[in-house]
Amino acid sequence: MTGVCDLTERHCEPCEGGVEPMTTERAQALLDQVPGWKLSDDGRIISRRFEFKGFYRTVSFINAMAWIAN
């Protein structure tokens, strides 16, 4: 890879298999570019905690994520 990329400007591309998993070190280096996300101890899961004021805002966020994921 040439230089540092801005992950907030990139999009996912699904792999077709036969690709080696990303190293924990590489995953952590990339996560350093996106504030708030954490890597699990085993390096297999990324996560982020969201907190909202009230039920309505929480459900609105979940619905928006479901729409994007679909």
PDB file of N, CA and C in Angstrom:
ATOM      1  N   MET A   1       0.841  -1.172   0.000  1.00  0.00           N
ATOM      2  CA  MET A   1       0.000   0.000   0.000  1.00  0.00           C
ATOM      3  C   MET A   1       0.884   1.231   0.000  1.00  0.00           C
ATOM      4  N   THR A   2       0.533   2.202  -0.755  1.00  0.00           N
ATOM      5  CA  THR A   2       1.341   3.409  -0.851  1.00  0.00           C
ATOM      6  C   THR A   2       0.725   4.505  -0.009  1.00  0.00           C
ATOM      7  N   GLY A   3       1.366   4.844   1.083  1.00  0.00           N
ATOM      8  CA  GLY A   3       0.887   5.916   1.939  1.00  0.00           C
ATOM      9  C   GLY A   3      -0.309   5.508   2.777  1.00  0.00           C
ATOM     10  N   VAL A   4      -0.758   6.460   3.559  1.00  0.00           N
ATOM     11  CA  VAL A   4      -1.895   6.231   4.438  1.00  0.00           C
ATOM     12  C   VAL A   4      -3.165   6.648   3.717  1.00  0.00           C
ATOM     13  N   CYS A   5      -4.183   5.811   3.773  1.00  0.00           N
ATOM     14  CA  CYS A   5      -5.457   6.135   3.142  1.00  0.00           C
ATOM     15  C   CYS A   5      -6.423   6.659   4.198  1.00  0.00           C
ATOM     16  N   ASP A   6      -7.405   7.409   3.767  1.00  0.00           N
ATOM     17  CA  ASP A   6      -8.433   7.896   4.665  1.00  0.00           C
ATOM     18  C   ASP A   6      -9.579   6.897   4.632  1.00  0.00           C
ATOM     19  N   LEU A   7      -9.695   6.080   5.668  1.00  0.00           N
ATOM     20  CA  LEU A   7     -10.701   5.023   5.675  1.00  0.00           C
ATOM     21  C   LEU A   7     -12.123   5.545   5.611  1.00  0.00           C
ATOM     22  N   THR A   8     -12.349   6.759   6.058  1.00  0.00           N
ATOM     23  CA  THR A   8     -13.708   7.298   6.014  1.00  0.00           C
ATOM     24  C   THR A   8     -14.164   7.568   4.591  1.00  0.00           C
ATOM     25  N   GLU A   9     -13.247   7.564   3.637  1.00  0.00           N
ATOM     26  CA  GLU A   9     -13.582   7.810   2.234  1.00  0.00           C
ATOM     27  C   GLU A   9     -13.654   6.526   1.405  1.00  0.00           C
ATOM     28  N   ARG A  10     -13.343   5.384   2.009  1.00  0.00           N
ATOM     29  CA  ARG A  10     -13.299   4.125   1.264  1.00  0.00           C
ATOM     30  C   ARG A  10     -14.570   3.316   1.471  1.00  0.00           C
ATOM     31  N   HIS A  11     -14.740   2.288   0.654  1.00  0.00           N
ATOM     32  CA  HIS A  11     -15.898   1.401   0.734  1.00  0.00           C
ATOM     33  C   HIS A  11     -15.419  -0.046   0.776  1.00  0.00           C
ATOM     34  N   CYS A  12     -16.196  -0.897   1.420  1.00  0.00           N
ATOM     35  CA  CYS A  12     -15.853  -2.319   1.531  1.00  0.00           C
ATOM     36  C   CYS A  12     -16.005  -3.029   0.196  1.00  0.00           C
ATOM     37  N   GLU A  13     -15.128  -3.990  -0.021  1.00  0.00           N
ATOM     38  CA  GLU A  13     -15.233  -4.884  -1.164  1.00  0.00           C
ATOM     39  C   GLU A  13     -15.189  -6.301  -0.608  1.00  0.00           C
ATOM     40  N   PRO A  14     -16.244  -7.092  -0.810  1.00  0.00           N
ATOM     41  CA  PRO A  14     -16.246  -8.453  -0.269  1.00  0.00           C
ATOM     42  C   PRO A  14     -15.158  -9.303  -0.918  1.00  0.00           C
ATOM     43  N   CYS A  15     -14.499 -10.111  -0.112  1.00  0.00           N
ATOM     44  CA  CYS A  15     -13.482 -11.009  -0.667  1.00  0.00           C
ATOM     45  C   CYS A  15     -14.161 -12.279  -1.155  1.00  0.00           C
ATOM     46  N   GLU A  16     -13.513 -12.974  -2.032  1.00  0.00           N
ATOM     47  CA  GLU A  16     -14.066 -14.186  -2.632  1.00  0.00           C
ATOM     48  C   GLU A  16     -13.459 -15.440  -2.014  1.00  0.00           C
ATOM     49  N   GLY A  17     -12.791 -15.307  -0.910  1.00  0.00           N
ATOM     50  CA  GLY A  17     -12.134 -16.453  -0.293  1.00  0.00           C
ATOM     51  C   GLY A  17     -10.695 -16.555  -0.764  1.00  0.00           C
ATOM     52  N   GLY A  18      -9.931 -17.388  -0.102  1.00  0.00           N
ATOM     53  CA  GLY A  18      -8.539 -17.574  -0.476  1.00  0.00           C
ATOM     54  C   GLY A  18      -7.652 -16.404  -0.102  1.00  0.00           C
ATOM     55  N   VAL A  19      -8.170 -15.495   0.718  1.00  0.00           N
ATOM     56  CA  VAL A  19      -7.415 -14.314   1.133  1.00  0.00           C
ATOM     57  C   VAL A  19      -6.993 -14.503   2.586  1.00  0.00           C
ATOM     58  N   GLU A  20      -5.734 -14.259   2.858  1.00  0.00           N
ATOM     59  CA  GLU A  20      -5.243 -14.377   4.228  1.00  0.00           C
ATOM     60  C   GLU A  20      -5.902 -13.326   5.118  1.00  0.00           C
ATOM     61  N   PRO A  21      -6.209 -13.684   6.371  1.00  0.00           N
ATOM     62  CA  PRO A  21      -6.783 -12.692   7.288  1.00  0.00           C
ATOM     63  C   PRO A  21      -5.797 -11.556   7.546  1.00  0.00           C
ATOM     64  N   MET A  22      -6.334 -10.396   7.812  1.00  0.00           N
ATOM     65  CA  MET A  22      -5.514  -9.238   8.142  1.00  0.00           C
ATOM     66  C   MET A  22      -4.833  -9.483   9.490  1.00  0.00           C
ATOM     67  N   THR A  23      -3.604  -9.050   9.619  1.00  0.00           N
ATOM     68  CA  THR A  23      -2.914  -9.201  10.898  1.00  0.00           C
ATOM     69  C   THR A  23      -3.512  -8.240  11.923  1.00  0.00           C
ATOM     70  N   THR A  24      -3.367  -8.596  13.186  1.00  0.00           N
ATOM     71  CA  THR A  24      -3.861  -7.740  14.265  1.00  0.00           C
ATOM     72  C   THR A  24      -3.191  -6.380  14.211  1.00  0.00           C
ATOM     73  N   GLU A  25      -1.906  -6.355  13.907  1.00  0.00           N
ATOM     74  CA  GLU A  25      -1.168  -5.092  13.839  1.00  0.00           C
ATOM     75  C   GLU A  25      -1.712  -4.196  12.730  1.00  0.00           C
ATOM     76  N   ARG A  26      -1.993  -4.783  11.573  1.00  0.00           N
ATOM     77  CA  ARG A  26      -2.532  -4.008  10.444  1.00  0.00           C
ATOM     78  C   ARG A  26      -3.933  -3.503  10.768  1.00  0.00           C
ATOM     79  N   ALA A  27      -4.752  -4.366  11.362  1.00  0.00           N
ATOM     80  CA  ALA A  27      -6.114  -3.964  11.736  1.00  0.00           C
ATOM     81  C   ALA A  27      -6.074  -2.804  12.724  1.00  0.00           C
ATOM     82  N   GLN A  28      -5.187  -2.877  13.705  1.00  0.00           N
ATOM     83  CA  GLN A  28      -5.093  -1.802  14.694  1.00  0.00           C
ATOM     84  C   GLN A  28      -4.604  -0.512  14.052  1.00  0.00           C
ATOM     85  N   ALA A  29      -3.654  -0.611  13.131  1.00  0.00           N
ATOM     86  CA  ALA A  29      -3.161   0.581  12.433  1.00  0.00           C
ATOM     87  C   ALA A  29      -4.285   1.253  11.652  1.00  0.00           C
ATOM     88  N   LEU A  30      -5.133   0.468  11.011  1.00  0.00           N
ATOM     89  CA  LEU A  30      -6.259   1.034  10.270  1.00  0.00           C
ATOM     90  C   LEU A  30      -7.317   1.603  11.214  1.00  0.00           C
ATOM     91  N   LEU A  31      -7.568   0.917  12.320  1.00  0.00           N
ATOM     92  CA  LEU A  31      -8.562   1.405  13.281  1.00  0.00           C
ATOM     93  C   LEU A  31      -8.142   2.724  13.918  1.00  0.00           C
ATOM     94  N   ASP A  32      -6.859   2.974  13.977  1.00  0.00           N
ATOM     95  CA  ASP A  32      -6.378   4.250  14.520  1.00  0.00           C
ATOM     96  C   ASP A  32      -6.876   5.428  13.685  1.00  0.00           C
ATOM     97  N   GLN A  33      -7.307   5.168  12.449  1.00  0.00           N
ATOM     98  CA  GLN A  33      -7.807   6.223  11.563  1.00  0.00           C
ATOM     99  C   GLN A  33      -9.298   6.502  11.756  1.00  0.00           C
ATOM    100  N   VAL A  34      -9.991   5.649  12.472  1.00  0.00           N
ATOM    101  CA  VAL A  34     -11.435   5.820  12.676  1.00  0.00           C
ATOM    102  C   VAL A  34     -11.728   5.848  14.178  1.00  0.00           C
ATOM    103  N   PRO A  35     -11.812   7.035  14.746  1.00  0.00           N
ATOM    104  CA  PRO A  35     -11.986   7.182  16.191  1.00  0.00           C
ATOM    105  C   PRO A  35     -13.220   6.457  16.719  1.00  0.00           C
ATOM    106  N   GLY A  36     -13.060   5.883  17.898  1.00  0.00           N
ATOM    107  CA  GLY A  36     -14.178   5.258  18.587  1.00  0.00           C
ATOM    108  C   GLY A  36     -14.302   3.760  18.382  1.00  0.00           C
ATOM    109  N   TRP A  37     -13.627   3.202  17.390  1.00  0.00           N
ATOM    110  CA  TRP A  37     -13.724   1.772  17.122  1.00  0.00           C
ATOM    111  C   TRP A  37     -12.627   1.036  17.870  1.00  0.00           C
ATOM    112  N   LYS A  38     -12.941  -0.174  18.327  1.00  0.00           N
ATOM    113  CA  LYS A  38     -11.990  -0.977  19.103  1.00  0.00           C
ATOM    114  C   LYS A  38     -11.849  -2.360  18.473  1.00  0.00           C
ATOM    115  N   LEU A  39     -10.675  -2.941  18.646  1.00  0.00           N
ATOM    116  CA  LEU A  39     -10.374  -4.278  18.149  1.00  0.00           C
ATOM    117  C   LEU A  39     -10.406  -5.246  19.327  1.00  0.00           C
ATOM    118  N   SER A  40     -11.047  -6.402  19.145  1.00  0.00           N
ATOM    119  CA  SER A  40     -11.110  -7.397  20.219  1.00  0.00           C
ATOM    120  C   SER A  40      -9.711  -7.930  20.520  1.00  0.00           C
ATOM    121  N   ASP A  41      -9.570  -8.549  21.688  1.00  0.00           N
ATOM    122  CA  ASP A  41      -8.272  -9.080  22.101  1.00  0.00           C
ATOM    123  C   ASP A  41      -7.721 -10.114  21.122  1.00  0.00           C
ATOM    124  N   ASP A  42      -8.613 -10.889  20.501  1.00  0.00           N
ATOM    125  CA  ASP A  42      -8.137 -11.896  19.552  1.00  0.00           C
ATOM    126  C   ASP A  42      -7.971 -11.343  18.134  1.00  0.00           C
ATOM    127  N   GLY A  43      -8.289 -10.053  17.936  1.00  0.00           N
ATOM    128  CA  GLY A  43      -8.088  -9.406  16.644  1.00  0.00           C
ATOM    129  C   GLY A  43      -9.081  -9.790  15.570  1.00  0.00           C
ATOM    130  N   ARG A  44     -10.216 -10.387  15.957  1.00  0.00           N
ATOM    131  CA  ARG A  44     -11.179 -10.870  14.963  1.00  0.00           C
ATOM    132  C   ARG A  44     -12.426  -9.999  14.840  1.00  0.00           C
ATOM    133  N   ILE A  45     -12.662  -9.127  15.813  1.00  0.00           N
ATOM    134  CA  ILE A  45     -13.905  -8.359  15.839  1.00  0.00           C
ATOM    135  C   ILE A  45     -13.602  -6.885  16.084  1.00  0.00           C
ATOM    136  N   ILE A  46     -14.267  -6.014  15.319  1.00  0.00           N
ATOM    137  CA  ILE A  46     -14.214  -4.589  15.621  1.00  0.00           C
ATOM    138  C   ILE A  46     -15.576  -4.189  16.175  1.00  0.00           C
ATOM    139  N   SER A  47     -15.569  -3.233  17.085  1.00  0.00           N
ATOM    140  CA  SER A  47     -16.833  -2.807  17.690  1.00  0.00           C
ATOM    141  C   SER A  47     -16.753  -1.342  18.081  1.00  0.00           C
ATOM    142  N   ARG A  48     -17.929  -0.791  18.281  1.00  0.00           N
ATOM    143  CA  ARG A  48     -18.033   0.584  18.743  1.00  0.00           C
ATOM    144  C   ARG A  48     -19.292   0.691  19.583  1.00  0.00           C
ATOM    145  N   ARG A  49     -19.201   1.405  20.674  1.00  0.00           N
ATOM    146  CA  ARG A  49     -20.342   1.583  21.566  1.00  0.00           C
ATOM    147  C   ARG A  49     -21.013   2.917  21.256  1.00  0.00           C
ATOM    148  N   PHE A  50     -22.322   2.883  21.107  1.00  0.00           N
ATOM    149  CA  PHE A  50     -23.116   4.082  20.869  1.00  0.00           C
ATOM    150  C   PHE A  50     -24.079   4.264  22.029  1.00  0.00           C
ATOM    151  N   GLU A  51     -24.231   5.493  22.490  1.00  0.00           N
ATOM    152  CA  GLU A  51     -25.199   5.804  23.538  1.00  0.00           C
ATOM    153  C   GLU A  51     -26.068   6.957  23.069  1.00  0.00           C
ATOM    154  N   PHE A  52     -27.364   6.854  23.348  1.00  0.00           N
ATOM    155  CA  PHE A  52     -28.317   7.860  22.904  1.00  0.00           C
ATOM    156  C   PHE A  52     -29.179   8.320  24.065  1.00  0.00           C
ATOM    157  N   LYS A  53     -29.702   9.519  23.919  1.00  0.00           N
ATOM    158  CA  LYS A  53     -30.606  10.084  24.901  1.00  0.00           C
ATOM    159  C   LYS A  53     -32.023   9.688  24.532  1.00  0.00           C
ATOM    160  N   GLY A  54     -32.530   8.668  25.147  1.00  0.00           N
ATOM    161  CA  GLY A  54     -33.910   8.278  24.924  1.00  0.00           C
ATOM    162  C   GLY A  54     -34.102   7.151  23.934  1.00  0.00           C
ATOM    163  N   PHE A  55     -35.240   6.498  24.101  1.00  0.00           N
ATOM    164  CA  PHE A  55     -35.600   5.344  23.291  1.00  0.00           C
ATOM    165  C   PHE A  55     -35.768   5.712  21.821  1.00  0.00           C
ATOM    166  N   TYR A  56     -36.434   6.820  21.535  1.00  0.00           N
ATOM    167  CA  TYR A  56     -36.709   7.220  20.151  1.00  0.00           C
ATOM    168  C   TYR A  56     -35.415   7.375  19.353  1.00  0.00           C
ATOM    169  N   ARG A  57     -34.431   8.041  19.923  1.00  0.00           N
ATOM    170  CA  ARG A  57     -33.157   8.238  19.211  1.00  0.00           C
ATOM    171  C   ARG A  57     -32.428   6.917  19.002  1.00  0.00           C
ATOM    172  N   THR A  58     -32.518   6.041  19.983  1.00  0.00           N
ATOM    173  CA  THR A  58     -31.884   4.731  19.855  1.00  0.00           C
ATOM    174  C   THR A  58     -32.512   3.935  18.718  1.00  0.00           C
ATOM    175  N   VAL A  59     -33.837   3.865  18.698  1.00  0.00           N
ATOM    176  CA  VAL A  59     -34.539   3.115  17.658  1.00  0.00           C
ATOM    177  C   VAL A  59     -34.312   3.750  16.289  1.00  0.00           C
ATOM    178  N   SER A  60     -34.275   5.064  16.225  1.00  0.00           N
ATOM    179  CA  SER A  60     -34.014   5.744  14.950  1.00  0.00           C
ATOM    180  C   SER A  60     -32.643   5.362  14.401  1.00  0.00           C
ATOM    181  N   PHE A  61     -31.661   5.312  15.269  1.00  0.00           N
ATOM    182  CA  PHE A  61     -30.311   4.927  14.856  1.00  0.00           C
ATOM    183  C   PHE A  61     -30.294   3.481  14.349  1.00  0.00           C
ATOM    184  N   ILE A  62     -30.908   2.582  15.083  1.00  0.00           N
ATOM    185  CA  ILE A  62     -30.946   1.175  14.682  1.00  0.00           C
ATOM    186  C   ILE A  62     -31.652   1.020  13.334  1.00  0.00           C
ATOM    187  N   ASN A  63     -32.754   1.728  13.154  1.00  0.00           N
ATOM    188  CA  ASN A  63     -33.469   1.664  11.874  1.00  0.00           C
ATOM    189  C   ASN A  63     -32.611   2.196  10.730  1.00  0.00           C
ATOM    190  N   ALA A  64     -31.869   3.262  10.969  1.00  0.00           N
ATOM    191  CA  ALA A  64     -30.983   3.812   9.936  1.00  0.00           C
ATOM    192  C   ALA A  64     -29.883   2.811   9.586  1.00  0.00           C
ATOM    193  N   MET A  65     -29.303   2.151  10.592  1.00  0.00           N
ATOM    194  CA  MET A  65     -28.264   1.152  10.339  1.00  0.00           C
ATOM    195  C   MET A  65     -28.832  -0.033   9.568  1.00  0.00           C
ATOM    196  N   ALA A  66     -30.048  -0.446   9.901  1.00  0.00           N
ATOM    197  CA  ALA A  66     -30.682  -1.557   9.180  1.00  0.00           C
ATOM    198  C   ALA A  66     -30.912  -1.178   7.721  1.00  0.00           C
ATOM    199  N   TRP A  67     -31.342   0.052   7.467  1.00  0.00           N
ATOM    200  CA  TRP A  67     -31.584   0.508   6.100  1.00  0.00           C
ATOM    201  C   TRP A  67     -30.279   0.526   5.298  1.00  0.00           C
ATOM    202  N   ILE A  68     -29.210   1.029   5.913  1.00  0.00           N
ATOM    203  CA  ILE A  68     -27.907   1.082   5.237  1.00  0.00           C
ATOM    204  C   ILE A  68     -27.390  -0.330   4.959  1.00  0.00           C
ATOM    205  N   ALA A  69     -27.516  -1.219   5.942  1.00  0.00           N
ATOM    206  CA  ALA A  69     -27.008  -2.586   5.797  1.00  0.00           C
ATOM    207  C   ALA A  69     -27.755  -3.374   4.727  1.00  0.00           C
ATOM    208  N   ASN A  70     -29.003  -3.015   4.524  1.00  0.00           N
ATOM    209  CA  ASN A  70     -29.812  -3.733   3.539  1.00  0.00           C
ATOM    210  C   ASN A  70     -29.406  -3.297   2.152  1.00  0.00           C
TER     211      ASN A  70
END
